[in-house]
Amino acid sequence: MSRFDELNVGDVLVGQVSAVVPFGVFVRIAEDADGLLHGESEPQTGASVTVRILEIDRENRRASLAKA
């Protein structure tokens, strides 16, 4: 698994759901970071999902994701 600093907008990758929250799910997209898949509630913690990176905030170490 890559590091957060190596990821780019548009990358498609398989991540693992790390948490389900009322506004979406957090997906582990790198060994040192999670991204938010907003509005999703179906995947359970631990499930694998394929996502595309829509936006990266390197300063706050956040990423916005969409299903790929």
PDB file of N, CA and C in Angstrom:
ATOM      1  N   MET A   1       0.844  -1.179   0.000  1.00  0.00           N
ATOM      2  CA  MET A   1       0.000   0.000   0.000  1.00  0.00           C
ATOM      3  C   MET A   1       0.889   1.242   0.000  1.00  0.00           C
ATOM      4  N   SER A   2       0.482   2.235  -0.759  1.00  0.00           N
ATOM      5  CA  SER A   2       1.281   3.452  -0.889  1.00  0.00           C
ATOM      6  C   SER A   2       1.094   4.376   0.313  1.00  0.00           C
ATOM      7  N   ARG A   3       1.876   5.422   0.319  1.00  0.00           N
ATOM      8  CA  ARG A   3       1.750   6.455   1.330  1.00  0.00           C
ATOM      9  C   ARG A   3       0.864   7.571   0.787  1.00  0.00           C
ATOM     10  N   PHE A   4       0.239   8.318   1.655  1.00  0.00           N
ATOM     11  CA  PHE A   4      -0.688   9.380   1.280  1.00  0.00           C
ATOM     12  C   PHE A   4      -0.049  10.378   0.322  1.00  0.00           C
ATOM     13  N   ASP A   5       1.191  10.752   0.563  1.00  0.00           N
ATOM     14  CA  ASP A   5       1.865  11.751  -0.269  1.00  0.00           C
ATOM     15  C   ASP A   5       2.100  11.286  -1.704  1.00  0.00           C
ATOM     16  N   GLU A   6       1.972   9.985  -1.972  1.00  0.00           N
ATOM     17  CA  GLU A   6       2.173   9.451  -3.318  1.00  0.00           C
ATOM     18  C   GLU A   6       0.884   9.405  -4.135  1.00  0.00           C
ATOM     19  N   LEU A   7      -0.261   9.672  -3.504  1.00  0.00           N
ATOM     20  CA  LEU A   7      -1.548   9.590  -4.177  1.00  0.00           C
ATOM     21  C   LEU A   7      -1.855  10.881  -4.928  1.00  0.00           C
ATOM     22  N   ASN A   8      -2.669  10.766  -5.987  1.00  0.00           N
ATOM     23  CA  ASN A   8      -3.037  11.910  -6.812  1.00  0.00           C
ATOM     24  C   ASN A   8      -4.531  11.885  -7.118  1.00  0.00           C
ATOM     25  N   VAL A   9      -5.095  13.065  -7.394  1.00  0.00           N
ATOM     26  CA  VAL A   9      -6.485  13.162  -7.823  1.00  0.00           C
ATOM     27  C   VAL A   9      -6.646  12.323  -9.086  1.00  0.00           C
ATOM     28  N   GLY A  10      -7.718  11.536  -9.122  1.00  0.00           N
ATOM     29  CA  GLY A  10      -7.988  10.673 -10.265  1.00  0.00           C
ATOM     30  C   GLY A  10      -7.526   9.244 -10.077  1.00  0.00           C
ATOM     31  N   ASP A  11      -6.652   9.001  -9.096  1.00  0.00           N
ATOM     32  CA  ASP A  11      -6.202   7.626  -8.844  1.00  0.00           C
ATOM     33  C   ASP A  11      -7.393   6.753  -8.471  1.00  0.00           C
ATOM     34  N   VAL A  12      -7.407   5.530  -8.984  1.00  0.00           N
ATOM     35  CA  VAL A  12      -8.411   4.529  -8.631  1.00  0.00           C
ATOM     36  C   VAL A  12      -7.689   3.443  -7.864  1.00  0.00           C
ATOM     37  N   LEU A  13      -8.257   3.096  -6.699  1.00  0.00           N
ATOM     38  CA  LEU A  13      -7.608   2.081  -5.872  1.00  0.00           C
ATOM     39  C   LEU A  13      -8.623   1.344  -5.038  1.00  0.00           C
ATOM     40  N   VAL A  14      -8.204   0.220  -4.517  1.00  0.00           N
ATOM     41  CA  VAL A  14      -9.045  -0.577  -3.635  1.00  0.00           C
ATOM     42  C   VAL A  14      -8.603  -0.282  -2.213  1.00  0.00           C
ATOM     43  N   GLY A  15      -9.575   0.109  -1.383  1.00  0.00           N
ATOM     44  CA  GLY A  15      -9.293   0.383   0.014  1.00  0.00           C
ATOM     45  C   GLY A  15     -10.214  -0.431   0.895  1.00  0.00           C
ATOM     46  N   GLN A  16      -9.967  -0.351   2.183  1.00  0.00           N
ATOM     47  CA  GLN A  16     -10.761  -1.103   3.143  1.00  0.00           C
ATOM     48  C   GLN A  16     -11.529  -0.123   4.025  1.00  0.00           C
ATOM     49  N   VAL A  17     -12.817  -0.378   4.216  1.00  0.00           N
ATOM     50  CA  VAL A  17     -13.639   0.490   5.058  1.00  0.00           C
ATOM     51  C   VAL A  17     -13.131   0.398   6.495  1.00  0.00           C
ATOM     52  N   SER A  18     -12.785   1.566   7.050  1.00  0.00           N
ATOM     53  CA  SER A  18     -12.256   1.593   8.421  1.00  0.00           C
ATOM     54  C   SER A  18     -13.291   2.066   9.431  1.00  0.00           C
ATOM     55  N   ALA A  19     -14.314   2.806   8.964  1.00  0.00           N
ATOM     56  CA  ALA A  19     -15.368   3.270   9.871  1.00  0.00           C
ATOM     57  C   ALA A  19     -16.598   3.657   9.064  1.00  0.00           C
ATOM     58  N   VAL A  20     -17.768   3.401   9.653  1.00  0.00           N
ATOM     59  CA  VAL A  20     -19.029   3.823   9.069  1.00  0.00           C
ATOM     60  C   VAL A  20     -19.587   4.912   9.978  1.00  0.00           C
ATOM     61  N   VAL A  21     -19.876   6.079   9.401  1.00  0.00           N
ATOM     62  CA  VAL A  21     -20.390   7.216  10.158  1.00  0.00           C
ATOM     63  C   VAL A  21     -21.697   7.680   9.500  1.00  0.00           C
ATOM     64  N   PRO A  22     -22.494   8.521  10.154  1.00  0.00           N
ATOM     65  CA  PRO A  22     -23.785   8.924   9.585  1.00  0.00           C
ATOM     66  C   PRO A  22     -23.702   9.587   8.208  1.00  0.00           C
ATOM     67  N   PHE A  23     -22.584  10.200   7.877  1.00  0.00           N
ATOM     68  CA  PHE A  23     -22.468  10.941   6.617  1.00  0.00           C
ATOM     69  C   PHE A  23     -21.659  10.211   5.557  1.00  0.00           C
ATOM     70  N   GLY A  24     -21.273   8.958   5.801  1.00  0.00           N
ATOM     71  CA  GLY A  24     -20.523   8.188   4.813  1.00  0.00           C
ATOM     72  C   GLY A  24     -19.644   7.134   5.459  1.00  0.00           C
ATOM     73  N   VAL A  25     -18.616   6.733   4.730  1.00  0.00           N
ATOM     74  CA  VAL A  25     -17.679   5.755   5.272  1.00  0.00           C
ATOM     75  C   VAL A  25     -16.248   6.255   5.059  1.00  0.00           C
ATOM     76  N   PHE A  26     -15.402   5.946   6.006  1.00  0.00           N
ATOM     77  CA  PHE A  26     -13.987   6.237   5.861  1.00  0.00           C
ATOM     78  C   PHE A  26     -13.307   4.992   5.302  1.00  0.00           C
ATOM     79  N   VAL A  27     -12.477   5.208   4.294  1.00  0.00           N
ATOM     80  CA  VAL A  27     -11.809   4.119   3.592  1.00  0.00           C
ATOM     81  C   VAL A  27     -10.304   4.300   3.739  1.00  0.00           C
ATOM     82  N   ARG A  28      -9.611   3.239   4.150  1.00  0.00           N
ATOM     83  CA  ARG A  28      -8.144   3.277   4.252  1.00  0.00           C
ATOM     84  C   ARG A  28      -7.594   3.244   2.834  1.00  0.00           C
ATOM     85  N   ILE A  29      -7.008   4.370   2.389  1.00  0.00           N
ATOM     86  CA  ILE A  29      -6.509   4.484   1.027  1.00  0.00           C
ATOM     87  C   ILE A  29      -4.993   4.451   0.946  1.00  0.00           C
ATOM     88  N   ALA A  30      -4.337   4.536   2.082  1.00  0.00           N
ATOM     89  CA  ALA A  30      -2.880   4.473   2.147  1.00  0.00           C
ATOM     90  C   ALA A  30      -2.510   3.945   3.525  1.00  0.00           C
ATOM     91  N   GLU A  31      -1.284   3.528   3.667  1.00  0.00           N
ATOM     92  CA  GLU A  31      -0.884   2.961   4.958  1.00  0.00           C
ATOM     93  C   GLU A  31      -0.979   3.982   6.083  1.00  0.00           C
ATOM     94  N   ASP A  32      -1.025   5.270   5.726  1.00  0.00           N
ATOM     95  CA  ASP A  32      -1.037   6.320   6.738  1.00  0.00           C
ATOM     96  C   ASP A  32      -2.210   7.288   6.611  1.00  0.00           C
ATOM     97  N   ALA A  33      -3.289   6.911   5.898  1.00  0.00           N
ATOM     98  CA  ALA A  33      -4.406   7.849   5.726  1.00  0.00           C
ATOM     99  C   ALA A  33      -5.687   7.161   5.285  1.00  0.00           C
ATOM    100  N   ASP A  34      -6.800   7.776   5.682  1.00  0.00           N
ATOM    101  CA  ASP A  34      -8.129   7.376   5.242  1.00  0.00           C
ATOM    102  C   ASP A  34      -8.718   8.501   4.408  1.00  0.00           C
ATOM    103  N   GLY A  35      -9.700   8.170   3.579  1.00  0.00           N
ATOM    104  CA  GLY A  35     -10.441   9.158   2.815  1.00  0.00           C
ATOM    105  C   GLY A  35     -11.916   8.957   3.081  1.00  0.00           C
ATOM    106  N   LEU A  36     -12.724   9.971   2.796  1.00  0.00           N
ATOM    107  CA  LEU A  36     -14.158   9.906   3.038  1.00  0.00           C
ATOM    108  C   LEU A  36     -14.914   9.633   1.750  1.00  0.00           C
ATOM    109  N   LEU A  37     -15.701   8.580   1.776  1.00  0.00           N
ATOM    110  CA  LEU A  37     -16.634   8.240   0.705  1.00  0.00           C
ATOM    111  C   LEU A  37     -17.988   8.739   1.198  1.00  0.00           C
ATOM    112  N   HIS A  38     -18.331   9.961   0.805  1.00  0.00           N
ATOM    113  CA  HIS A  38     -19.486  10.671   1.347  1.00  0.00           C
ATOM    114  C   HIS A  38     -20.800  10.070   0.857  1.00  0.00           C
ATOM    115  N   GLY A  39     -21.765   9.973   1.758  1.00  0.00           N
ATOM    116  CA  GLY A  39     -23.104   9.535   1.386  1.00  0.00           C
ATOM    117  C   GLY A  39     -23.290   8.034   1.273  1.00  0.00           C
ATOM    118  N   GLU A  40     -22.260   7.271   1.485  1.00  0.00           N
ATOM    119  CA  GLU A  40     -22.377   5.801   1.408  1.00  0.00           C
ATOM    120  C   GLU A  40     -22.669   5.248   2.795  1.00  0.00           C
ATOM    121  N   SER A  41     -23.475   4.210   2.852  1.00  0.00           N
ATOM    122  CA  SER A  41     -23.757   3.575   4.135  1.00  0.00           C
ATOM    123  C   SER A  41     -23.787   2.059   4.040  1.00  0.00           C
ATOM    124  N   GLU A  42     -23.717   1.530   2.823  1.00  0.00           N
ATOM    125  CA  GLU A  42     -23.828   0.085   2.638  1.00  0.00           C
ATOM    126  C   GLU A  42     -22.593  -0.702   3.056  1.00  0.00           C
ATOM    127  N   PRO A  43     -21.379  -0.277   2.664  1.00  0.00           N
ATOM    128  CA  PRO A  43     -20.225  -1.110   3.024  1.00  0.00           C
ATOM    129  C   PRO A  43     -20.037  -1.186   4.537  1.00  0.00           C
ATOM    130  N   GLN A  44     -19.735  -2.357   5.023  1.00  0.00           N
ATOM    131  CA  GLN A  44     -19.490  -2.569   6.441  1.00  0.00           C
ATOM    132  C   GLN A  44     -18.001  -2.417   6.739  1.00  0.00           C
ATOM    133  N   THR A  45     -17.678  -2.154   7.983  1.00  0.00           N
ATOM    134  CA  THR A  45     -16.283  -2.051   8.396  1.00  0.00           C
ATOM    135  C   THR A  45     -15.539  -3.309   7.967  1.00  0.00           C
ATOM    136  N   GLY A  46     -14.390  -3.128   7.336  1.00  0.00           N
ATOM    137  CA  GLY A  46     -13.578  -4.237   6.865  1.00  0.00           C
ATOM    138  C   GLY A  46     -13.813  -4.614   5.412  1.00  0.00           C
ATOM    139  N   ALA A  47     -14.893  -4.124   4.816  1.00  0.00           N
ATOM    140  CA  ALA A  47     -15.203  -4.450   3.415  1.00  0.00           C
ATOM    141  C   ALA A  47     -14.226  -3.741   2.478  1.00  0.00           C
ATOM    142  N   SER A  48     -13.932  -4.377   1.365  1.00  0.00           N
ATOM    143  CA  SER A  48     -13.095  -3.760   0.333  1.00  0.00           C
ATOM    144  C   SER A  48     -13.984  -2.986  -0.631  1.00  0.00           C
ATOM    145  N   VAL A  49     -13.541  -1.777  -1.000  1.00  0.00           N
ATOM    146  CA  VAL A  49     -14.276  -0.954  -1.949  1.00  0.00           C
ATOM    147  C   VAL A  49     -13.291  -0.332  -2.938  1.00  0.00           C
ATOM    148  N   THR A  50     -13.742  -0.178  -4.181  1.00  0.00           N
ATOM    149  CA  THR A  50     -12.929   0.481  -5.197  1.00  0.00           C
ATOM    150  C   THR A  50     -13.369   1.934  -5.270  1.00  0.00           C
ATOM    151  N   VAL A  51     -12.410   2.835  -5.099  1.00  0.00           N
ATOM    152  CA  VAL A  51     -12.717   4.262  -5.043  1.00  0.00           C
ATOM    153  C   VAL A  51     -11.811   5.056  -5.981  1.00  0.00           C
ATOM    154  N   ARG A  52     -12.275   6.251  -6.339  1.00  0.00           N
ATOM    155  CA  ARG A  52     -11.492   7.211  -7.124  1.00  0.00           C
ATOM    156  C   ARG A  52     -11.284   8.429  -6.237  1.00  0.00           C
ATOM    157  N   ILE A  53     -10.075   8.960  -6.233  1.00  0.00           N
ATOM    158  CA  ILE A  53      -9.782  10.153  -5.445  1.00  0.00           C
ATOM    159  C   ILE A  53     -10.280  11.379  -6.196  1.00  0.00           C
ATOM    160  N   LEU A  54     -11.171  12.151  -5.558  1.00  0.00           N
ATOM    161  CA  LEU A  54     -11.735  13.352  -6.158  1.00  0.00           C
ATOM    162  C   LEU A  54     -10.966  14.604  -5.760  1.00  0.00           C
ATOM    163  N   GLU A  55     -10.491  14.621  -4.529  1.00  0.00           N
ATOM    164  CA  GLU A  55      -9.841  15.807  -3.997  1.00  0.00           C
ATOM    165  C   GLU A  55      -8.871  15.382  -2.895  1.00  0.00           C
ATOM    166  N   ILE A  56      -7.746  16.063  -2.822  1.00  0.00           N
ATOM    167  CA  ILE A  56      -6.752  15.770  -1.790  1.00  0.00           C
ATOM    168  C   ILE A  56      -6.399  17.064  -1.069  1.00  0.00           C
ATOM    169  N   ASP A  57      -6.450  17.024   0.262  1.00  0.00           N
ATOM    170  CA  ASP A  57      -6.015  18.133   1.109  1.00  0.00           C
ATOM    171  C   ASP A  57      -4.791  17.630   1.860  1.00  0.00           C
ATOM    172  N   ARG A  58      -3.617  17.873   1.289  1.00  0.00           N
ATOM    173  CA  ARG A  58      -2.380  17.340   1.878  1.00  0.00           C
ATOM    174  C   ARG A  58      -2.065  17.970   3.231  1.00  0.00           C
ATOM    175  N   GLU A  59      -2.401  19.243   3.387  1.00  0.00           N
ATOM    176  CA  GLU A  59      -2.106  19.936   4.645  1.00  0.00           C
ATOM    177  C   GLU A  59      -2.831  19.292   5.823  1.00  0.00           C
ATOM    178  N   ASN A  60      -4.114  18.937   5.614  1.00  0.00           N
ATOM    179  CA  ASN A  60      -4.912  18.316   6.673  1.00  0.00           C
ATOM    180  C   ASN A  60      -4.989  16.801   6.548  1.00  0.00           C
ATOM    181  N   ARG A  61      -4.275  16.249   5.552  1.00  0.00           N
ATOM    182  CA  ARG A  61      -4.215  14.801   5.326  1.00  0.00           C
ATOM    183  C   ARG A  61      -5.613  14.196   5.169  1.00  0.00           C
ATOM    184  N   ARG A  62      -6.389  14.801   4.251  1.00  0.00           N
ATOM    185  CA  ARG A  62      -7.740  14.329   3.974  1.00  0.00           C
ATOM    186  C   ARG A  62      -7.892  14.091   2.487  1.00  0.00           C
ATOM    187  N   ALA A  63      -8.826  13.204   2.146  1.00  0.00           N
ATOM    188  CA  ALA A  63      -9.146  12.957   0.746  1.00  0.00           C
ATOM    189  C   ALA A  63     -10.636  12.728   0.607  1.00  0.00           C
ATOM    190  N   SER A  64     -11.215  13.275  -0.458  1.00  0.00           N
ATOM    191  CA  SER A  64     -12.618  13.020  -0.801  1.00  0.00           C
ATOM    192  C   SER A  64     -12.640  11.938  -1.870  1.00  0.00           C
ATOM    193  N   LEU A  65     -13.543  10.995  -1.710  1.00  0.00           N
ATOM    194  CA  LEU A  65     -13.578   9.835  -2.595  1.00  0.00           C
ATOM    195  C   LEU A  65     -14.947   9.668  -3.248  1.00  0.00           C
ATOM    196  N   ALA A  66     -14.965   8.946  -4.362  1.00  0.00           N
ATOM    197  CA  ALA A  66     -16.200   8.513  -5.017  1.00  0.00           C
ATOM    198  C   ALA A  66     -16.032   7.033  -5.367  1.00  0.00           C
ATOM    199  N   LYS A  67     -17.148   6.317  -5.475  1.00  0.00           N
ATOM    200  CA  LYS A  67     -17.071   4.926  -5.922  1.00  0.00           C
ATOM    201  C   LYS A  67     -16.567   4.907  -7.349  1.00  0.00           C
ATOM    202  N   ALA A  68     -15.704   3.961  -7.645  1.00  0.00           N
ATOM    203  CA  ALA A  68     -15.170   3.828  -9.002  1.00  0.00           C
ATOM    204  C   ALA A  68     -15.856   2.681  -9.709  1.00  0.00           C
TER     205      ALA A  68
END
